[in-house]
Amino acid sequence: MKKKVIAALGIVILAIALGFALRPKSFDRQFHKVMDDLDSYILKGDMEITKGEDIKSYAVEVGYQKMDEVEMFKVSLLDKALNQEQIILRNEQGVFVVTPALNQIFKFEGDWPLNSPKPYLLQSMVQFVDDENAEIEKQEDGYVITTPVVYPNNKSYVKQKMLFDKDANIQWVEIYNQDENAELRIQFHTVDYNKEIAADYFAAPTSMEKPTSTTMVSEADLPLYPSAVFDAQLSGKSVMNNNGVTKHILEFSGAKNFTVVENIRTGSDTTQTVIMPGQMMDVLDVVGFYDGNRLSAMANGIEYTVFSDDLDPEEMMSVINSMQVAVMK
């Protein structure tokens, strides 16, 4: 009798072990295996960013390569409406923001892009997959991952969904606000893991063609006003001319005081490389430079600078980011 019981238990244990062996591998382990074996990748797709009633469309290309212990990144965003491209890249020499519309290259120190999550980076995606609150749903065409997210420079982003195919190739990313409205969508149409990348792909350019103005904002449209004012009120407005450049100055007073200076920015005749002090901050389509109590950024051909001893860098970026949708006369 004992032998029969032991035999039966053995069969049960064998069946359970066989079931585990035949069970489909969990996606998180599969994705980690892909990332562990990854030395390079190229992702290309289309990105839509919704800001209020405004929808901006971009062609996005992301490149990554690890050589020895150096990780190199390149992100290109092409504004489809303005036909303007902005490139951020990291190589052995540092981090560069290449802005053809201004014929300028900004160089700075820092650990971009791994200093904060980016929706288009596989390195960020694996962090989201590993989140203890992430939900992984197996579907016929792959796996949908739904997870809460925190983007330091995009406070409205609270939830992210990602679709990977059965081979862990990313297909699309969607990010939602607290009202369940999608504020960002990326549809990838090219996904190449361990792609052979040309040696000069991550090199910063030394010269560019003289740009032509493609901004949709004219001097008559200025000043633009921010919608993110942190309970402050507009307390002063003035205009000044500095070396032929008209600058609009907006002063806001309240619990947190700040001043916004804005002007149309035109490109230089020759390519310039500018060494930037301070910290770079990027909000996908807007790149800012923070130095003490000042943050400057370019958006739609307009240069914005926020001065404040009360706002933190993320709040300053929120002010600039909100100027693109709020035109209050």
C-alpha atoms as a PDB file:
ATOM      1  CA  MET A   1       0.000   0.000   0.000  1.00  0.00           C
ATOM      2  CA  LYS A   2       2.845   2.278   1.004  1.00  0.00           C
ATOM      3  CA  LYS A   3       4.561   1.639  -2.311  1.00  0.00           C
ATOM      4  CA  LYS A   4       1.358   2.573  -4.178  1.00  0.00           C
ATOM      5  CA  VAL A   5       1.050   5.856  -2.239  1.00  0.00           C
ATOM      6  CA  ILE A   6       4.705   6.743  -2.870  1.00  0.00           C
ATOM      7  CA  ALA A   7       4.295   5.888  -6.541  1.00  0.00           C
ATOM      8  CA  ALA A   8       1.176   8.029  -6.774  1.00  0.00           C
ATOM      9  CA  LEU A   9       2.932  10.925  -5.056  1.00  0.00           C
ATOM     10  CA  GLY A  10       5.819  10.510  -7.440  1.00  0.00           C
ATOM     11  CA  ILE A  11       3.487  10.727 -10.414  1.00  0.00           C
ATOM     12  CA  VAL A  12       1.847  13.875  -9.008  1.00  0.00           C
ATOM     13  CA  ILE A  13       5.208  15.516  -8.339  1.00  0.00           C
ATOM     14  CA  LEU A  14       6.425  14.546 -11.803  1.00  0.00           C
ATOM     15  CA  ALA A  15       3.256  15.982 -13.361  1.00  0.00           C
ATOM     16  CA  ILE A  16       3.670  19.249 -11.468  1.00  0.00           C
ATOM     17  CA  ALA A  17       7.338  19.490 -12.434  1.00  0.00           C
ATOM     18  CA  LEU A  18       6.461  18.713 -16.053  1.00  0.00           C
ATOM     19  CA  GLY A  19       3.734  21.363 -15.950  1.00  0.00           C
ATOM     20  CA  PHE A  20       6.220  23.978 -14.781  1.00  0.00           C
ATOM     21  CA  ALA A  21       8.699  22.895 -17.416  1.00  0.00           C
ATOM     22  CA  LEU A  22       6.128  23.159 -20.195  1.00  0.00           C
ATOM     23  CA  ARG A  23       4.544  26.362 -18.922  1.00  0.00           C
ATOM     24  CA  PRO A  24       5.298  29.383 -21.112  1.00  0.00           C
ATOM     25  CA  LYS A  25       8.221  31.404 -19.815  1.00  0.00           C
ATOM     26  CA  SER A  26       7.104  34.546 -17.941  1.00  0.00           C
ATOM     27  CA  PHE A  27       7.525  37.721 -19.961  1.00  0.00           C
ATOM     28  CA  ASP A  28       9.621  39.575 -17.393  1.00  0.00           C
ATOM     29  CA  ARG A  29      12.270  36.824 -17.453  1.00  0.00           C
ATOM     30  CA  GLN A  30      12.117  36.710 -21.237  1.00  0.00           C
ATOM     31  CA  PHE A  31      12.580  40.475 -21.505  1.00  0.00           C
ATOM     32  CA  HIS A  32      15.490  40.394 -19.051  1.00  0.00           C
ATOM     33  CA  LYS A  33      17.137  37.707 -21.149  1.00  0.00           C
ATOM     34  CA  VAL A  34      16.756  39.911 -24.242  1.00  0.00           C
ATOM     35  CA  MET A  35      18.229  42.900 -22.401  1.00  0.00           C
ATOM     36  CA  ASP A  36      21.128  40.845 -20.990  1.00  0.00           C
ATOM     37  CA  ASP A  37      22.054  39.756 -24.517  1.00  0.00           C
ATOM     38  CA  LEU A  38      21.605  43.250 -25.974  1.00  0.00           C
ATOM     39  CA  ASP A  39      24.625  45.206 -27.214  1.00  0.00           C
ATOM     40  CA  SER A  40      22.750  47.605 -29.499  1.00  0.00           C
ATOM     41  CA  TYR A  41      19.331  48.522 -30.843  1.00  0.00           C
ATOM     42  CA  ILE A  42      17.577  50.860 -33.244  1.00  0.00           C
ATOM     43  CA  LEU A  43      13.947  51.875 -32.688  1.00  0.00           C
ATOM     44  CA  LYS A  44      11.981  54.008 -35.149  1.00  0.00           C
ATOM     45  CA  GLY A  45       8.405  55.126 -34.888  1.00  0.00           C
ATOM     46  CA  ASP A  46       5.834  57.899 -34.722  1.00  0.00           C
ATOM     47  CA  MET A  47       5.079  59.780 -31.530  1.00  0.00           C
ATOM     48  CA  GLU A  48       2.088  61.943 -30.640  1.00  0.00           C
ATOM     49  CA  ILE A  49       2.108  64.234 -27.613  1.00  0.00           C
ATOM     50  CA  THR A  50      -1.190  65.733 -26.474  1.00  0.00           C
ATOM     51  CA  LYS A  51      -1.077  68.999 -24.538  1.00  0.00           C
ATOM     52  CA  GLY A  52      -4.557  70.290 -23.887  1.00  0.00           C
ATOM     53  CA  GLU A  53      -6.214  70.557 -27.279  1.00  0.00           C
ATOM     54  CA  ASP A  54      -2.875  70.628 -29.071  1.00  0.00           C
ATOM     55  CA  ILE A  55      -1.467  67.424 -30.611  1.00  0.00           C
ATOM     56  CA  LYS A  56       2.117  67.368 -31.809  1.00  0.00           C
ATOM     57  CA  SER A  57       3.422  64.666 -34.114  1.00  0.00           C
ATOM     58  CA  TYR A  58       7.030  63.539 -34.294  1.00  0.00           C
ATOM     59  CA  ALA A  59       9.107  60.983 -36.115  1.00  0.00           C
ATOM     60  CA  VAL A  60      11.330  59.417 -33.470  1.00  0.00           C
ATOM     61  CA  GLU A  61      14.517  57.385 -33.825  1.00  0.00           C
ATOM     62  CA  VAL A  62      16.406  55.897 -30.887  1.00  0.00           C
ATOM     63  CA  GLY A  63      19.835  54.304 -31.139  1.00  0.00           C
ATOM     64  CA  TYR A  64      21.863  52.504 -28.464  1.00  0.00           C
ATOM     65  CA  GLN A  65      25.212  50.740 -28.477  1.00  0.00           C
ATOM     66  CA  LYS A  66      27.483  49.421 -25.767  1.00  0.00           C
ATOM     67  CA  MET A  67      31.187  49.371 -26.611  1.00  0.00           C
ATOM     68  CA  ASP A  68      33.418  47.998 -23.868  1.00  0.00           C
ATOM     69  CA  GLU A  69      32.023  49.767 -20.793  1.00  0.00           C
ATOM     70  CA  VAL A  70      30.768  52.860 -22.647  1.00  0.00           C
ATOM     71  CA  GLU A  71      27.034  53.153 -23.335  1.00  0.00           C
ATOM     72  CA  MET A  72      26.135  55.460 -26.210  1.00  0.00           C
ATOM     73  CA  PHE A  73      22.668  56.816 -26.965  1.00  0.00           C
ATOM     74  CA  LYS A  74      21.116  58.894 -29.713  1.00  0.00           C
ATOM     75  CA  VAL A  75      17.555  60.221 -29.816  1.00  0.00           C
ATOM     76  CA  SER A  76      16.218  62.131 -32.817  1.00  0.00           C
ATOM     77  CA  LEU A  77      12.866  63.923 -32.723  1.00  0.00           C
ATOM     78  CA  LEU A  78      11.566  65.421 -35.970  1.00  0.00           C
ATOM     79  CA  ASP A  79       8.640  67.798 -35.560  1.00  0.00           C
ATOM     80  CA  LYS A  80       6.464  66.917 -38.549  1.00  0.00           C
ATOM     81  CA  ALA A  81       4.615  70.235 -38.624  1.00  0.00           C
ATOM     82  CA  LEU A  82       7.737  72.417 -38.468  1.00  0.00           C
ATOM     83  CA  ASN A  83      10.071  69.955 -40.211  1.00  0.00           C
ATOM     84  CA  GLN A  84      12.544  70.669 -37.403  1.00  0.00           C
ATOM     85  CA  GLU A  85      14.810  68.025 -35.928  1.00  0.00           C
ATOM     86  CA  GLN A  86      16.431  67.964 -32.521  1.00  0.00           C
ATOM     87  CA  ILE A  87      19.011  65.355 -31.599  1.00  0.00           C
ATOM     88  CA  ILE A  88      20.300  64.427 -28.172  1.00  0.00           C
ATOM     89  CA  LEU A  89      23.264  62.096 -28.074  1.00  0.00           C
ATOM     90  CA  ARG A  90      25.695  60.686 -25.592  1.00  0.00           C
ATOM     91  CA  ASN A  91      29.121  59.397 -26.580  1.00  0.00           C
ATOM     92  CA  GLU A  92      32.626  59.143 -25.103  1.00  0.00           C
ATOM     93  CA  GLN A  93      33.040  62.948 -25.233  1.00  0.00           C
ATOM     94  CA  GLY A  94      29.894  63.837 -23.301  1.00  0.00           C
ATOM     95  CA  VAL A  95      26.261  64.715 -23.931  1.00  0.00           C
ATOM     96  CA  PHE A  96      25.216  66.923 -26.849  1.00  0.00           C
ATOM     97  CA  VAL A  97      21.975  68.609 -27.878  1.00  0.00           C
ATOM     98  CA  VAL A  98      22.097  69.235 -31.622  1.00  0.00           C
ATOM     99  CA  THR A  99      19.647  71.918 -32.787  1.00  0.00           C
ATOM    100  CA  PRO A 100      19.842  72.409 -36.566  1.00  0.00           C
ATOM    101  CA  ALA A 101      17.143  75.113 -36.468  1.00  0.00           C
ATOM    102  CA  LEU A 102      19.590  77.300 -34.521  1.00  0.00           C
ATOM    103  CA  ASN A 103      22.727  75.913 -36.176  1.00  0.00           C
ATOM    104  CA  GLN A 104      23.992  75.243 -32.657  1.00  0.00           C
ATOM    105  CA  ILE A 105      25.326  72.312 -30.651  1.00  0.00           C
ATOM    106  CA  PHE A 106      25.085  72.437 -26.863  1.00  0.00           C
ATOM    107  CA  LYS A 107      27.556  70.307 -24.897  1.00  0.00           C
ATOM    108  CA  PHE A 108      27.241  69.534 -21.203  1.00  0.00           C
ATOM    109  CA  GLU A 109      28.155  67.036 -18.512  1.00  0.00           C
ATOM    110  CA  GLY A 110      25.686  64.595 -17.032  1.00  0.00           C
ATOM    111  CA  ASP A 111      24.374  61.058 -17.119  1.00  0.00           C
ATOM    112  CA  TRP A 112      21.561  61.583 -19.627  1.00  0.00           C
ATOM    113  CA  PRO A 113      19.503  59.630 -20.556  1.00  0.00           C
ATOM    114  CA  LEU A 114      19.685  57.271 -17.577  1.00  0.00           C
ATOM    115  CA  ASN A 115      19.152  60.088 -15.066  1.00  0.00           C
ATOM    116  CA  SER A 116      15.372  59.765 -15.462  1.00  0.00           C
ATOM    117  CA  PRO A 117      12.965  57.416 -17.263  1.00  0.00           C
ATOM    118  CA  LYS A 118      12.322  57.921 -20.971  1.00  0.00           C
ATOM    119  CA  PRO A 119       9.297  56.321 -22.681  1.00  0.00           C
ATOM    120  CA  TYR A 120      11.295  55.471 -25.816  1.00  0.00           C
ATOM    121  CA  LEU A 121      14.222  53.722 -24.069  1.00  0.00           C
ATOM    122  CA  LEU A 122      14.300  49.956 -23.560  1.00  0.00           C
ATOM    123  CA  GLN A 123      16.337  50.556 -20.406  1.00  0.00           C
ATOM    124  CA  SER A 124      13.406  52.470 -18.913  1.00  0.00           C
ATOM    125  CA  MET A 125      10.883  49.914 -20.149  1.00  0.00           C
ATOM    126  CA  VAL A 126      12.604  47.090 -18.286  1.00  0.00           C
ATOM    127  CA  GLN A 127      12.377  49.131 -15.073  1.00  0.00           C
ATOM    128  CA  PHE A 128       8.627  49.527 -15.608  1.00  0.00           C
ATOM    129  CA  VAL A 129       8.216  45.802 -16.321  1.00  0.00           C
ATOM    130  CA  ASP A 130      10.005  45.065 -13.027  1.00  0.00           C
ATOM    131  CA  ASP A 131       7.682  47.327 -11.023  1.00  0.00           C
ATOM    132  CA  GLU A 132       5.954  45.298  -8.327  1.00  0.00           C
ATOM    133  CA  ASN A 133       2.621  46.825  -9.375  1.00  0.00           C
ATOM    134  CA  ALA A 134       3.065  46.025 -13.064  1.00  0.00           C
ATOM    135  CA  GLU A 135       0.336  43.868 -14.622  1.00  0.00           C
ATOM    136  CA  ILE A 136       1.390  41.542 -17.432  1.00  0.00           C
ATOM    137  CA  GLU A 137      -1.394  40.284 -19.657  1.00  0.00           C
ATOM    138  CA  LYS A 138      -0.714  37.634 -22.282  1.00  0.00           C
ATOM    139  CA  GLN A 139      -2.596  38.247 -25.520  1.00  0.00           C
ATOM    140  CA  GLU A 140      -2.713  36.573 -28.887  1.00  0.00           C
ATOM    141  CA  ASP A 141      -0.273  39.074 -30.386  1.00  0.00           C
ATOM    142  CA  GLY A 142       2.083  39.303 -27.396  1.00  0.00           C
ATOM    143  CA  TYR A 143       2.095  40.862 -23.940  1.00  0.00           C
ATOM    144  CA  VAL A 144       0.500  44.065 -22.638  1.00  0.00           C
ATOM    145  CA  ILE A 145       2.187  45.562 -19.588  1.00  0.00           C
ATOM    146  CA  THR A 146       0.260  48.119 -17.530  1.00  0.00           C
ATOM    147  CA  THR A 147       2.134  49.876 -14.755  1.00  0.00           C
ATOM    148  CA  PRO A 148       2.058  53.058 -12.661  1.00  0.00           C
ATOM    149  CA  VAL A 149       4.859  55.435 -13.611  1.00  0.00           C
ATOM    150  CA  VAL A 150       6.598  58.509 -12.266  1.00  0.00           C
ATOM    151  CA  TYR A 151       8.241  60.890 -14.716  1.00  0.00           C
ATOM    152  CA  PRO A 152       9.907  63.661 -12.657  1.00  0.00           C
ATOM    153  CA  ASN A 153       9.581  66.260 -15.440  1.00  0.00           C
ATOM    154  CA  ASN A 154       6.106  65.134 -16.561  1.00  0.00           C
ATOM    155  CA  LYS A 155       4.030  65.097 -13.387  1.00  0.00           C
ATOM    156  CA  SER A 156       0.767  64.428 -15.249  1.00  0.00           C
ATOM    157  CA  TYR A 157       2.015  61.011 -16.451  1.00  0.00           C
ATOM    158  CA  VAL A 158       0.707  58.387 -13.994  1.00  0.00           C
ATOM    159  CA  LYS A 159       0.122  55.170 -15.964  1.00  0.00           C
ATOM    160  CA  GLN A 160       1.855  53.494 -18.880  1.00  0.00           C
ATOM    161  CA  LYS A 161       0.881  50.663 -21.208  1.00  0.00           C
ATOM    162  CA  MET A 162       3.294  48.808 -23.480  1.00  0.00           C
ATOM    163  CA  LEU A 163       2.737  46.085 -26.052  1.00  0.00           C
ATOM    164  CA  PHE A 164       5.552  43.634 -26.792  1.00  0.00           C
ATOM    165  CA  ASP A 165       5.276  40.875 -29.358  1.00  0.00           C
ATOM    166  CA  LYS A 166       6.026  37.226 -28.517  1.00  0.00           C
ATOM    167  CA  ASP A 167       9.749  37.816 -29.080  1.00  0.00           C
ATOM    168  CA  ALA A 168       9.795  40.812 -26.689  1.00  0.00           C
ATOM    169  CA  ASN A 169       9.983  43.386 -29.497  1.00  0.00           C
ATOM    170  CA  ILE A 170       8.338  46.613 -28.376  1.00  0.00           C
ATOM    171  CA  GLN A 171       5.312  47.536 -30.535  1.00  0.00           C
ATOM    172  CA  TRP A 172       3.770  50.586 -28.892  1.00  0.00           C
ATOM    173  CA  VAL A 173       3.769  52.722 -25.746  1.00  0.00           C
ATOM    174  CA  GLU A 174       0.912  54.785 -24.328  1.00  0.00           C
ATOM    175  CA  ILE A 175       1.048  57.062 -21.265  1.00  0.00           C
ATOM    176  CA  TYR A 176      -2.065  58.275 -19.436  1.00  0.00           C
ATOM    177  CA  ASN A 177      -2.898  61.033 -16.982  1.00  0.00           C
ATOM    178  CA  GLN A 178      -5.020  60.605 -13.860  1.00  0.00           C
ATOM    179  CA  ASP A 179      -8.184  61.118 -15.931  1.00  0.00           C
ATOM    180  CA  GLU A 180      -7.262  58.087 -18.070  1.00  0.00           C
ATOM    181  CA  ASN A 181      -6.597  60.303 -21.090  1.00  0.00           C
ATOM    182  CA  ALA A 182      -3.633  59.328 -23.258  1.00  0.00           C
ATOM    183  CA  GLU A 183      -1.087  62.156 -23.362  1.00  0.00           C
ATOM    184  CA  LEU A 184       1.591  60.292 -25.293  1.00  0.00           C
ATOM    185  CA  ARG A 185       1.572  57.535 -27.908  1.00  0.00           C
ATOM    186  CA  ILE A 186       4.533  55.944 -29.671  1.00  0.00           C
ATOM    187  CA  GLN A 187       3.930  53.431 -32.463  1.00  0.00           C
ATOM    188  CA  PHE A 188       7.162  51.663 -33.410  1.00  0.00           C
ATOM    189  CA  HIS A 189       7.505  50.460 -36.994  1.00  0.00           C
ATOM    190  CA  THR A 190      11.186  49.457 -36.867  1.00  0.00           C
ATOM    191  CA  VAL A 191      12.640  47.422 -33.995  1.00  0.00           C
ATOM    192  CA  ASP A 192      16.153  46.038 -34.516  1.00  0.00           C
ATOM    193  CA  TYR A 193      17.853  44.357 -31.549  1.00  0.00           C
ATOM    194  CA  ASN A 194      21.639  43.853 -31.751  1.00  0.00           C
ATOM    195  CA  LYS A 195      21.679  45.991 -34.866  1.00  0.00           C
ATOM    196  CA  GLU A 196      25.057  46.702 -36.474  1.00  0.00           C
ATOM    197  CA  ILE A 197      25.482  50.468 -36.210  1.00  0.00           C
ATOM    198  CA  ALA A 198      27.933  52.629 -38.173  1.00  0.00           C
ATOM    199  CA  ALA A 199      30.901  53.962 -36.211  1.00  0.00           C
ATOM    200  CA  ASP A 200      29.984  57.638 -36.812  1.00  0.00           C
ATOM    201  CA  TYR A 201      26.316  57.236 -35.845  1.00  0.00           C
ATOM    202  CA  PHE A 202      26.920  58.635 -32.349  1.00  0.00           C
ATOM    203  CA  ALA A 203      29.377  61.371 -33.387  1.00  0.00           C
ATOM    204  CA  ALA A 204      28.423  65.000 -32.783  1.00  0.00           C
ATOM    205  CA  PRO A 205      28.409  67.005 -36.034  1.00  0.00           C
ATOM    206  CA  THR A 206      30.999  69.706 -36.514  1.00  0.00           C
ATOM    207  CA  SER A 207      28.992  71.714 -39.044  1.00  0.00           C
ATOM    208  CA  MET A 208      25.428  71.988 -40.301  1.00  0.00           C
ATOM    209  CA  GLU A 209      23.694  73.830 -43.106  1.00  0.00           C
ATOM    210  CA  LYS A 210      22.421  77.306 -42.332  1.00  0.00           C
ATOM    211  CA  PRO A 211      18.817  76.871 -41.160  1.00  0.00           C
ATOM    212  CA  THR A 212      15.731  78.532 -42.506  1.00  0.00           C
ATOM    213  CA  SER A 213      13.081  79.847 -40.146  1.00  0.00           C
ATOM    214  CA  THR A 214      10.168  77.446 -39.846  1.00  0.00           C
ATOM    215  CA  THR A 215       8.562  78.639 -36.628  1.00  0.00           C
ATOM    216  CA  MET A 216       4.803  79.039 -36.701  1.00  0.00           C
ATOM    217  CA  VAL A 217       5.014  81.830 -34.100  1.00  0.00           C
ATOM    218  CA  SER A 218       5.747  85.408 -35.123  1.00  0.00           C
ATOM    219  CA  GLU A 219       6.683  88.481 -33.120  1.00  0.00           C
ATOM    220  CA  ALA A 220       3.040  89.590 -33.285  1.00  0.00           C
ATOM    221  CA  ASP A 221       2.033  86.450 -31.349  1.00  0.00           C
ATOM    222  CA  LEU A 222       4.202  87.299 -28.352  1.00  0.00           C
ATOM    223  CA  PRO A 223       4.023  87.251 -25.473  1.00  0.00           C
ATOM    224  CA  LEU A 224       2.695  83.783 -24.789  1.00  0.00           C
ATOM    225  CA  TYR A 225       1.448  83.154 -21.267  1.00  0.00           C
ATOM    226  CA  PRO A 226       1.887  80.028 -19.150  1.00  0.00           C
ATOM    227  CA  SER A 227      -1.056  78.055 -17.854  1.00  0.00           C
ATOM    228  CA  ALA A 228       1.063  76.563 -15.042  1.00  0.00           C
ATOM    229  CA  VAL A 229       1.547  79.504 -12.672  1.00  0.00           C
ATOM    230  CA  PHE A 230       1.399  77.794  -9.249  1.00  0.00           C
ATOM    231  CA  ASP A 231      -1.304  80.167  -7.939  1.00  0.00           C
ATOM    232  CA  ALA A 232       0.724  83.256  -8.857  1.00  0.00           C
ATOM    233  CA  GLN A 233      -0.801  86.221 -10.668  1.00  0.00           C
ATOM    234  CA  LEU A 234       0.582  88.293 -13.527  1.00  0.00           C
ATOM    235  CA  SER A 235       1.900  91.431 -11.803  1.00  0.00           C
ATOM    236  CA  GLY A 236       3.977  93.056 -14.507  1.00  0.00           C
ATOM    237  CA  LYS A 237       4.561  93.016 -18.252  1.00  0.00           C
ATOM    238  CA  SER A 238       7.194  94.851 -20.271  1.00  0.00           C
ATOM    239  CA  VAL A 239       9.180  94.789 -23.504  1.00  0.00           C
ATOM    240  CA  MET A 240      12.847  95.532 -24.004  1.00  0.00           C
ATOM    241  CA  ASN A 241      15.194  95.537 -26.983  1.00  0.00           C
ATOM    242  CA  ASN A 242      18.612  93.996 -26.483  1.00  0.00           C
ATOM    243  CA  ASN A 243      21.039  94.089 -29.434  1.00  0.00           C
ATOM    244  CA  GLY A 244      18.163  94.081 -31.901  1.00  0.00           C
ATOM    245  CA  VAL A 245      16.308  91.250 -30.141  1.00  0.00           C
ATOM    246  CA  THR A 246      12.868  92.043 -28.712  1.00  0.00           C
ATOM    247  CA  LYS A 247      12.376  90.386 -25.334  1.00  0.00           C
ATOM    248  CA  HIS A 248       9.020  90.120 -23.605  1.00  0.00           C
ATOM    249  CA  ILE A 249       9.119  90.047 -19.803  1.00  0.00           C
ATOM    250  CA  LEU A 250       6.297  88.675 -17.654  1.00  0.00           C
ATOM    251  CA  GLU A 251       6.420  88.959 -13.860  1.00  0.00           C
ATOM    252  CA  PHE A 252       4.300  86.698 -11.666  1.00  0.00           C
ATOM    253  CA  SER A 253       3.738  87.252  -7.951  1.00  0.00           C
ATOM    254  CA  GLY A 254       2.232  84.998  -5.305  1.00  0.00           C
ATOM    255  CA  ALA A 255       3.331  82.253  -2.951  1.00  0.00           C
ATOM    256  CA  LYS A 256       5.986  81.472  -5.569  1.00  0.00           C
ATOM    257  CA  ASN A 257       7.350  84.413  -7.506  1.00  0.00           C
ATOM    258  CA  PHE A 258       8.925  84.037 -10.933  1.00  0.00           C
ATOM    259  CA  THR A 259       9.728  85.954 -14.112  1.00  0.00           C
ATOM    260  CA  VAL A 260       9.492  84.711 -17.695  1.00  0.00           C
ATOM    261  CA  VAL A 261      11.559  86.238 -20.511  1.00  0.00           C
ATOM    262  CA  GLU A 262      10.719  85.152 -24.071  1.00  0.00           C
ATOM    263  CA  ASN A 263      11.887  86.075 -27.555  1.00  0.00           C
ATOM    264  CA  ILE A 264      11.998  84.746 -31.100  1.00  0.00           C
ATOM    265  CA  ARG A 265      15.284  82.925 -31.682  1.00  0.00           C
ATOM    266  CA  THR A 266      16.932  82.780 -35.094  1.00  0.00           C
ATOM    267  CA  GLY A 267      19.764  80.543 -36.229  1.00  0.00           C
ATOM    268  CA  SER A 268      23.365  81.666 -36.562  1.00  0.00           C
ATOM    269  CA  ASP A 269      25.184  81.776 -39.898  1.00  0.00           C
ATOM    270  CA  THR A 270      27.856  79.314 -38.786  1.00  0.00           C
ATOM    271  CA  THR A 271      27.640  76.195 -36.635  1.00  0.00           C
ATOM    272  CA  GLN A 272      28.463  76.959 -33.023  1.00  0.00           C
ATOM    273  CA  THR A 273      29.270  74.574 -30.186  1.00  0.00           C
ATOM    274  CA  VAL A 274      28.309  76.021 -26.809  1.00  0.00           C
ATOM    275  CA  ILE A 275      29.555  74.559 -23.524  1.00  0.00           C
ATOM    276  CA  MET A 276      26.614  74.661 -21.130  1.00  0.00           C
ATOM    277  CA  PRO A 277      26.950  74.880 -17.356  1.00  0.00           C
ATOM    278  CA  GLY A 278      24.384  73.413 -15.015  1.00  0.00           C
ATOM    279  CA  GLN A 279      21.940  70.588 -15.497  1.00  0.00           C
ATOM    280  CA  MET A 280      20.085  69.486 -18.616  1.00  0.00           C
ATOM    281  CA  MET A 281      16.377  68.727 -18.275  1.00  0.00           C
ATOM    282  CA  ASP A 282      14.334  67.159 -21.043  1.00  0.00           C
ATOM    283  CA  VAL A 283      10.580  66.817 -21.327  1.00  0.00           C
ATOM    284  CA  LEU A 284      10.546  64.735 -24.511  1.00  0.00           C
ATOM    285  CA  ASP A 285      10.177  67.521 -27.078  1.00  0.00           C
ATOM    286  CA  VAL A 286      11.568  70.340 -24.917  1.00  0.00           C
ATOM    287  CA  VAL A 287      15.147  70.475 -23.621  1.00  0.00           C
ATOM    288  CA  GLY A 288      16.023  72.914 -20.859  1.00  0.00           C
ATOM    289  CA  PHE A 289      19.215  73.986 -19.110  1.00  0.00           C
ATOM    290  CA  TYR A 290      19.022  74.721 -15.389  1.00  0.00           C
ATOM    291  CA  ASP A 291      21.674  76.797 -13.673  1.00  0.00           C
ATOM    292  CA  GLY A 292      20.971  78.018 -10.159  1.00  0.00           C
ATOM    293  CA  ASN A 293      17.789  80.080 -10.164  1.00  0.00           C
ATOM    294  CA  ARG A 294      17.399  80.101 -13.956  1.00  0.00           C
ATOM    295  CA  LEU A 295      16.094  77.644 -16.543  1.00  0.00           C
ATOM    296  CA  SER A 296      16.246  78.259 -20.304  1.00  0.00           C
ATOM    297  CA  ALA A 297      14.623  76.237 -23.087  1.00  0.00           C
ATOM    298  CA  MET A 298      13.705  76.451 -26.758  1.00  0.00           C
ATOM    299  CA  ALA A 299      10.249  75.554 -28.056  1.00  0.00           C
ATOM    300  CA  ASN A 300       8.729  76.291 -31.466  1.00  0.00           C
ATOM    301  CA  GLY A 301      11.433  78.804 -32.315  1.00  0.00           C
ATOM    302  CA  ILE A 302      10.942  80.739 -29.074  1.00  0.00           C
ATOM    303  CA  GLU A 303      13.584  80.991 -26.365  1.00  0.00           C
ATOM    304  CA  TYR A 304      12.167  81.024 -22.847  1.00  0.00           C
ATOM    305  CA  THR A 305      14.006  81.775 -19.630  1.00  0.00           C
ATOM    306  CA  VAL A 306      12.393  81.442 -16.208  1.00  0.00           C
ATOM    307  CA  PHE A 307      14.013  83.185 -13.229  1.00  0.00           C
ATOM    308  CA  SER A 308      12.900  82.232  -9.728  1.00  0.00           C
ATOM    309  CA  ASP A 309      14.198  81.653  -6.211  1.00  0.00           C
ATOM    310  CA  ASP A 310      10.930  79.920  -5.310  1.00  0.00           C
ATOM    311  CA  LEU A 311      10.300  77.415  -8.113  1.00  0.00           C
ATOM    312  CA  ASP A 312      12.269  74.183  -8.308  1.00  0.00           C
ATOM    313  CA  PRO A 313      13.671  73.066 -11.703  1.00  0.00           C
ATOM    314  CA  GLU A 314      10.700  70.770 -12.427  1.00  0.00           C
ATOM    315  CA  GLU A 315       8.251  73.610 -11.731  1.00  0.00           C
ATOM    316  CA  MET A 316      10.219  75.954 -13.977  1.00  0.00           C
ATOM    317  CA  MET A 317      10.041  73.384 -16.752  1.00  0.00           C
ATOM    318  CA  SER A 318       6.295  73.069 -16.175  1.00  0.00           C
ATOM    319  CA  VAL A 319       5.955  76.824 -16.711  1.00  0.00           C
ATOM    320  CA  ILE A 320       7.840  76.667 -20.020  1.00  0.00           C
ATOM    321  CA  ASN A 321       6.080  73.522 -21.164  1.00  0.00           C
ATOM    322  CA  SER A 322       2.666  75.105 -20.566  1.00  0.00           C
ATOM    323  CA  MET A 323       3.489  78.148 -22.728  1.00  0.00           C
ATOM    324  CA  GLN A 324       3.086  76.084 -25.863  1.00  0.00           C
ATOM    325  CA  VAL A 325      -0.655  75.708 -25.483  1.00  0.00           C
ATOM    326  CA  ALA A 326      -1.731  78.864 -23.656  1.00  0.00           C
ATOM    327  CA  VAL A 327      -2.039  82.039 -25.706  1.00  0.00           C
ATOM    328  CA  MET A 328      -3.822  84.641 -23.590  1.00  0.00           C
ATOM    329  CA  LYS A 329      -4.157  88.189 -24.833  1.00  0.00           C
END
